[in-house]
Protein backbone atom coordinates (compact mmCIF):
# COMPACT_ATOMS: atom_id res chain seq x y z
CA LYS A 1 83.34 93.18 114.44
CA GLY A 2 82.76 96.32 116.51
CA GLY A 3 84.50 97.57 119.60
CA TYR A 4 87.66 99.62 120.04
CA GLU A 5 89.57 97.88 117.26
CA SER A 6 86.93 98.65 114.63
CA LEU A 7 87.80 102.34 115.00
CA ILE A 8 91.50 101.90 114.27
CA GLY A 9 92.75 103.09 110.88
CA ASN A 10 91.16 104.72 107.85
CA THR A 11 92.18 108.11 109.23
CA PRO A 12 91.77 111.17 106.99
CA LEU A 13 94.57 112.66 104.91
CA VAL A 14 94.34 116.43 105.22
CA TYR A 15 95.69 118.96 102.71
CA LEU A 16 97.43 121.88 104.45
CA PRO A 17 96.71 124.86 102.18
CA HIS A 18 98.29 127.63 104.24
CA LEU A 19 101.49 125.69 104.86
CA SER A 20 101.67 124.72 101.19
CA SER A 21 101.18 128.36 100.18
CA LEU A 22 104.51 129.24 101.83
CA ILE A 23 106.26 127.57 98.90
CA ASN A 24 103.60 128.38 96.30
CA ASN A 25 103.98 132.17 96.21
CA ASN A 26 101.54 132.54 99.14
CA ASN A 27 98.70 131.30 96.94
CA THR A 28 96.36 129.00 98.90
CA ASP A 29 94.37 128.29 95.71
CA ASN A 30 97.38 126.85 93.87
CA ALA A 31 96.46 123.27 94.79
CA ASN A 32 96.57 121.93 91.24
CA ASN A 33 99.91 123.33 90.11
CA GLY A 34 101.95 123.86 93.26
CA VAL A 35 103.53 121.49 95.76
CA ARG A 36 100.94 120.06 98.13
CA ILE A 37 101.64 119.10 101.75
CA TYR A 38 99.34 116.53 103.34
CA ALA A 39 99.06 115.27 106.93
CA LYS A 40 97.83 111.78 107.77
CA MET A 41 95.72 112.40 110.89
CA GLU A 42 96.77 109.43 113.01
CA ASN A 43 95.73 111.34 116.13
CA LEU A 44 92.14 110.51 115.15
CA ASN A 45 92.59 106.84 115.99
CA PRO A 46 90.58 105.89 119.12
CA GLY A 47 93.66 106.01 121.34
CA GLY A 48 94.57 109.44 119.97
CA THR A 49 97.69 108.08 118.27
CA GLY A 50 98.89 105.98 115.35
CA LYS A 51 100.40 103.61 117.91
CA ASP A 52 96.99 101.92 117.96
CA ARG A 53 97.96 100.16 114.73
CA ALA A 54 101.22 98.72 116.03
CA ALA A 55 99.73 97.81 119.41
CA ARG A 56 96.90 95.88 117.79
CA SER A 57 99.31 94.07 115.49
CA MET A 58 101.66 93.10 118.33
CA ILE A 59 98.87 91.90 120.61
CA LEU A 60 97.27 89.81 117.84
CA ALA A 61 100.66 88.29 117.01
CA ALA A 62 101.19 87.38 120.68
CA GLU A 63 97.74 85.81 120.85
CA GLU A 64 98.41 83.74 117.74
CA LYS A 65 101.61 82.43 119.33
CA GLY A 66 99.71 81.47 122.49
CA GLU A 67 101.57 84.04 124.60
CA LEU A 68 98.38 85.83 125.68
CA PRO A 69 95.74 83.19 126.38
CA PRO A 70 92.59 84.19 128.29
CA PRO A 71 91.68 84.68 131.04
CA LEU A 72 94.92 85.23 133.01
CA SER A 73 97.35 87.03 130.74
CA LEU A 74 99.45 90.16 130.91
CA GLY A 75 100.87 92.37 128.17
CA GLU A 76 104.01 94.33 129.02
CA GLY A 77 105.96 96.98 127.20
CA GLY A 78 108.57 99.69 127.49
CA THR A 79 107.25 102.93 126.01
CA SER A 80 107.53 106.70 126.07
CA GLY A 81 103.78 106.78 126.67
CA SER A 82 101.74 106.70 123.47
CA THR A 83 102.30 103.01 122.71
CA GLY A 84 101.46 102.23 126.32
CA ILE A 85 98.12 103.99 125.99
CA SER A 86 97.30 101.95 122.90
CA LEU A 87 98.52 98.67 124.44
CA SER A 88 96.47 99.26 127.58
CA SER A 89 93.30 100.17 125.69
CA ILE A 90 93.46 97.24 123.28
CA SER A 91 94.52 94.81 126.03
CA SER A 92 91.46 95.76 128.05
CA SER A 93 89.17 95.34 125.05
CA ARG A 94 90.57 91.83 124.52
CA GLY A 95 90.51 90.74 128.15
CA HIS A 96 94.18 91.20 129.04
CA ALA A 97 95.83 93.18 131.82
CA SER A 98 98.78 95.45 131.04
CA ILE A 99 101.90 96.89 132.62
CA VAL A 100 103.87 99.75 131.07
CA VAL A 101 107.38 100.90 131.99
CA MET A 102 108.13 104.47 130.92
CA PRO A 103 110.94 107.02 131.41
CA ASP A 104 110.52 109.93 133.78
CA ASP A 105 111.00 112.65 131.16
CA GLN A 106 107.62 112.14 129.49
CA SER A 107 104.61 114.40 129.99
CA SER A 108 102.60 113.94 133.17
CA GLN A 109 99.40 113.73 131.10
CA LYS A 110 100.49 110.42 129.57
CA LYS A 111 101.23 108.84 132.94
CA GLU A 112 97.92 110.02 134.41
CA PHE A 113 95.98 108.78 131.39
CA LEU A 114 97.61 105.34 131.62
CA GLN A 115 96.70 105.08 135.29
CA ARG A 116 93.09 106.01 134.56
CA LEU A 117 93.00 103.24 131.96
CA GLY A 118 93.79 100.77 134.74
CA CYS A 119 97.27 100.03 133.44
CA GLY A 120 100.09 99.26 135.85
CA VAL A 121 102.64 102.06 135.39
CA VAL A 122 106.31 101.85 136.38
CA VAL A 123 108.31 105.08 135.95
CA VAL A 124 112.11 104.81 135.80
CA LYS A 125 114.93 107.30 135.36
CA ASN A 126 115.76 107.97 131.73
CA CYS A 127 119.11 106.52 130.73
CA SER A 128 120.95 104.76 127.91
CA ILE A 129 119.77 101.39 126.61
CA SER A 130 123.10 99.95 127.84
CA ASN A 131 121.99 100.67 131.42
CA PRO A 132 119.98 97.88 133.14
CA GLY A 133 117.67 100.62 134.41
CA HIS A 134 116.56 101.67 130.91
CA TYR A 135 112.79 101.38 130.59
CA VAL A 136 112.97 98.67 127.91
CA ASN A 137 115.33 96.57 130.04
CA VAL A 138 113.14 96.99 133.11
CA ALA A 139 110.07 95.95 131.10
CA ARG A 140 111.91 92.83 129.97
CA ARG A 141 112.78 91.92 133.57
CA VAL A 142 109.17 92.40 134.67
CA TRP A 143 108.15 90.01 131.90
CA GLU A 144 110.72 87.45 133.04
CA LEU A 145 109.28 87.54 136.56
CA VAL A 146 105.95 86.17 135.36
CA GLU A 147 107.29 83.56 132.94
CA PRO A 148 105.92 80.00 133.30
CA PRO A 149 105.43 77.85 135.31
CA ARG A 150 103.49 80.60 137.10
CA LEU A 151 99.73 80.73 136.59
CA LEU A 152 99.84 84.17 134.99
CA LYS A 153 101.18 84.15 131.44
CA ALA A 154 102.76 87.26 129.96
CA ALA A 155 104.00 88.65 126.65
CA PHE A 156 106.73 91.27 126.25
CA MET A 157 105.62 93.52 123.37
CA ASN A 158 109.16 94.81 122.67
CA GLN A 159 107.91 97.40 120.19
CA PHE A 160 111.41 98.43 119.07
CA GLU A 161 112.36 94.96 117.82
CA ASN A 162 108.92 93.46 117.17
CA LEU A 163 108.45 93.38 113.39
CA ALA A 164 104.67 93.15 113.83
CA ASN A 165 105.09 96.90 114.40
CA VAL A 166 106.46 97.71 110.94
CA GLN A 167 104.12 95.17 109.34
CA SER A 168 101.07 96.97 110.72
CA HIS A 169 102.00 100.12 108.80
CA TYR A 170 103.01 98.24 105.66
CA SER A 171 99.61 96.52 105.66
CA THR A 172 97.36 99.44 106.64
CA THR A 173 98.81 102.97 106.84
CA GLY A 174 100.80 102.70 103.61
CA PRO A 175 97.89 101.43 101.46
CA GLU A 176 95.57 104.05 102.95
CA ILE A 177 97.90 106.92 102.00
CA TYR A 178 98.46 105.46 98.53
CA ASN A 179 94.72 105.14 97.87
CA GLN A 180 93.87 108.55 99.32
CA LEU A 181 96.21 110.21 96.81
CA TYR A 182 95.38 107.81 93.97
CA GLY A 183 98.96 106.59 93.92
CA LYS A 184 100.50 110.07 93.53
CA VAL A 185 102.91 110.20 96.49
CA ASP A 186 106.26 111.87 95.81
CA ALA A 187 107.74 112.06 99.31
CA PHE A 188 106.96 110.65 102.75
CA ILE A 189 108.45 112.48 105.74
CA MET A 190 108.50 110.94 109.21
CA SER A 191 110.41 110.93 112.49
CA ALA A 192 111.35 107.63 114.15
CA GLY A 193 110.68 106.36 117.65
CA THR A 194 110.77 102.69 116.81
CA GLY A 195 110.97 103.27 113.05
CA GLY A 196 107.81 101.26 112.44
CA THR A 197 105.78 103.96 110.67
CA LEU A 198 108.61 105.34 108.52
CA VAL A 199 109.80 101.93 107.37
CA GLY A 200 106.36 100.35 107.06
CA VAL A 201 104.73 103.18 105.10
CA GLY A 202 107.88 103.99 103.15
CA GLY A 203 108.43 100.36 102.24
CA TYR A 204 104.88 99.96 100.98
CA LEU A 205 104.99 103.14 98.89
CA LYS A 206 108.22 102.08 97.19
CA ASP A 207 107.03 98.51 96.59
CA ARG A 208 103.73 99.72 95.19
CA TRP A 209 105.46 102.19 92.86
CA TRP A 210 107.69 99.46 91.39
CA ARG A 211 104.69 97.17 91.03
CA ASP A 212 102.42 99.72 89.36
CA GLN A 213 104.87 101.68 87.21
CA PRO A 214 105.13 100.35 83.64
CA LEU A 215 108.65 99.10 82.94
CA GLN A 216 109.14 101.51 80.04
CA GLN A 217 108.29 104.51 82.26
CA GLN A 218 110.44 103.64 85.27
CA SER A 219 113.44 105.44 83.81
CA LEU A 220 111.36 108.60 83.31
CA SER A 221 110.26 109.00 86.92
CA SER A 222 111.42 107.96 90.37
CA PRO A 223 109.84 106.16 93.34
CA PRO A 224 108.69 108.12 96.39
CA LYS A 225 111.41 109.57 98.59
CA ASN A 226 111.29 108.47 102.24
CA ILE A 227 113.00 110.99 104.49
CA LEU A 228 113.72 110.72 108.21
CA VAL A 229 113.17 113.72 110.48
CA ASP A 230 115.42 113.50 113.53
CA PRO A 231 115.54 115.66 116.71
CA PRO A 232 118.64 117.00 118.49
CA GLY A 233 120.67 114.33 120.28
CA SER A 234 119.46 111.39 118.20
CA SER A 235 121.98 109.27 116.31
CA LEU A 236 119.64 108.15 113.51
CA TYR A 237 120.37 111.16 111.29
CA ASN A 238 124.03 110.15 111.03
CA LYS A 239 123.06 106.51 110.52
CA VAL A 240 121.07 107.44 107.42
CA LYS A 241 123.51 110.06 106.11
CA TYR A 242 126.83 108.38 106.89
CA GLY A 243 126.08 104.81 107.93
CA VAL A 244 127.19 105.32 111.55
CA ALA A 245 124.74 105.76 114.44
CA TYR A 246 126.46 108.55 116.35
CA ALA A 247 125.41 111.98 117.60
CA PRO A 248 127.66 114.83 118.84
CA GLN A 249 125.83 114.65 122.20
CA GLN A 250 127.39 111.20 122.67
CA SER A 251 130.94 112.53 122.73
CA GLU A 252 132.91 111.59 125.85
CA GLN A 253 133.06 115.05 127.32
CA ARG A 254 129.26 115.38 127.22
CA LEU A 255 128.13 111.96 128.43
CA ARG A 256 127.21 113.39 131.83
CA ARG A 257 124.27 114.99 130.05
CA HIS A 258 121.34 112.99 128.81
CA ARG A 259 122.01 112.55 125.11
CA TYR A 260 118.43 113.22 124.00
CA ASP A 261 118.77 116.97 124.35
CA THR A 262 115.33 117.69 122.90
CA ILE A 263 111.84 118.70 123.92
CA ALA A 264 110.29 116.18 121.52
CA GLU A 265 108.80 113.05 123.07
CA GLY A 266 108.86 109.53 121.70
CA ILE A 267 111.26 110.10 118.81
CA GLY A 268 115.02 109.87 118.36
CA LEU A 269 117.25 106.99 119.41
CA ASP A 270 120.84 106.24 120.38
CA ARG A 271 120.71 102.84 118.69
CA VAL A 272 119.40 101.13 115.56
CA THR A 273 116.33 99.02 116.37
CA GLY A 274 115.07 96.01 114.45
CA ASN A 275 112.29 98.04 112.84
CA PHE A 276 114.50 100.98 111.87
CA GLY A 277 117.36 98.71 110.80
CA LEU A 278 115.04 97.01 108.33
CA GLY A 279 114.65 100.35 106.57
CA CYS A 280 118.42 100.85 106.36
CA GLU A 281 119.12 97.33 105.09
CA SER A 282 116.35 97.46 102.48
CA ILE A 283 117.29 100.98 101.31
CA ILE A 284 113.80 102.19 102.19
CA ILE A 285 115.04 105.40 103.86
CA ASP A 286 116.56 107.76 101.29
CA ASP A 287 117.70 110.75 103.32
CA ALA A 288 117.49 112.48 106.69
CA LEU A 289 116.86 115.95 108.11
CA SER A 290 117.80 117.28 111.54
CA ILE A 291 115.11 119.53 113.00
CA THR A 292 115.69 121.77 116.02
CA ASP A 293 113.35 122.21 118.97
CA GLN A 294 112.83 125.84 117.98
CA GLN A 295 111.71 124.85 114.49
CA ALA A 296 109.23 122.40 115.99
CA VAL A 297 107.82 124.95 118.45
CA TYR A 298 107.46 127.56 115.72
CA MET A 299 105.71 125.06 113.45
CA ALA A 300 103.32 123.96 116.21
CA HIS A 301 102.18 127.55 116.77
CA TYR A 302 101.96 128.22 113.03
CA LEU A 303 99.72 125.18 112.54
CA LEU A 304 97.44 126.19 115.40
CA ARG A 305 97.05 129.72 114.11
CA HIS A 306 96.82 129.09 110.37
CA GLU A 307 95.60 125.50 109.93
CA GLY A 308 93.64 125.09 113.17
CA LEU A 309 95.65 122.00 114.14
CA PHE A 310 96.74 121.47 117.76
CA VAL A 311 99.63 119.01 117.48
CA GLY A 312 102.23 117.39 119.72
CA SER A 313 106.00 117.75 119.58
CA SER A 314 106.81 114.88 117.21
CA SER A 315 104.01 115.91 114.84
CA ALA A 316 105.38 119.45 114.74
CA MET A 317 108.82 118.09 113.85
CA ASN A 318 107.31 115.92 111.11
CA ILE A 319 105.53 118.86 109.51
CA ALA A 320 108.56 121.16 109.84
CA GLY A 321 110.51 118.52 107.93
CA ALA A 322 107.75 118.20 105.34
CA LEU A 323 107.92 121.94 104.65
CA ILE A 324 111.68 121.78 104.07
CA VAL A 325 111.36 118.82 101.72
CA ALA A 326 108.41 120.38 99.89
CA SER A 327 110.50 123.47 99.15
CA THR A 328 112.87 121.27 97.11
CA MET A 329 110.19 119.42 95.12
CA PRO A 330 108.96 120.32 91.63
CA PRO A 331 105.46 121.77 91.09
CA GLY A 332 102.71 119.18 91.21
CA SER A 333 104.42 117.07 93.87
CA ASN A 334 102.57 115.56 96.84
CA VAL A 335 104.46 115.52 100.14
CA VAL A 336 102.97 113.45 102.97
CA THR A 337 103.70 113.41 106.69
CA VAL A 338 101.93 112.28 109.86
CA VAL A 339 100.21 113.95 112.81
CA CYS A 340 101.08 111.31 115.41
CA ASP A 341 99.07 112.77 118.27
CA GLY A 342 97.41 115.97 119.38
CA GLY A 343 98.80 118.67 121.62
CA GLN A 344 96.50 117.75 124.51
CA ARG A 345 99.07 115.31 125.92
CA HIS A 346 101.92 117.78 125.56
CA THR A 347 100.68 120.89 127.37
CA ALA A 348 102.89 120.39 130.43
CA ARG A 349 106.12 119.96 128.47
CA PHE A 350 105.86 121.22 124.89
CA TRP A 351 103.10 123.82 124.88
């Protein structure tokens, strides 16, 4: 078919030998017998992020429903930046305009890039989802302003609740990882912004294991473990571990501070979204890890020096979590995580 969309997906899965050697007696040649850590390079999508997959899926779903008919149509979304870049790029390639509402604590590079793409950008103060000024709520109100009977028709992408998000990863990212490792995936480690990647990939890997594993062998092995990596201030760690979405930063005496007390962008939530909730209800997510900012910064610099990878804040958290999980796995295990985007969009804030 060609065009921007033809470049989305089929990203490489890269083995990280130096990182893996940290738990394999510092032996980088121990690939066959030791624990292997792999990174799915979603930053190599045309928009520089795995959000291309979800954005394409949500836009196609809106078109199928008649919400984005040509030639006068507008796609709108609330985003921390990366999804907005993907929505804007794909919207342009399909003849739609786009408006993105984003919080003011995101890197300046993302805002500037969106503006250069021709996207309408609205920046609002970061606050709780319960506040009408939250970027998702503002995006919804912008959408309501252009509802029929006006000439311009609009669709609110609503990436947090839109299940086309999780479906995109169940249908594409999950099968790609499975095929790239010939079905040998023992753990998938991922942070959650909307929860789409973790739940979509994790759900596919578990479903495929149950489908492919002979009945008589199911008691001798176990399906892949799907483990959430969560930054400071997010409530999702406690949701997975204890069933209650609550973080210490939400205690009454600290509410004057913004509860996302982290340098990481685009991950961590103070609520359970439709996409993430699907993973909790379906028992797709097995466990959770809390990763500090310092661990993420250290990992980012380690990867640049030893693996030659220049990654963003959420990617560094993912890989820090993968290392912790890998240290608990038996020899021969494959641990997979995701490089969501490169460090180029994080130099002002993270690097």
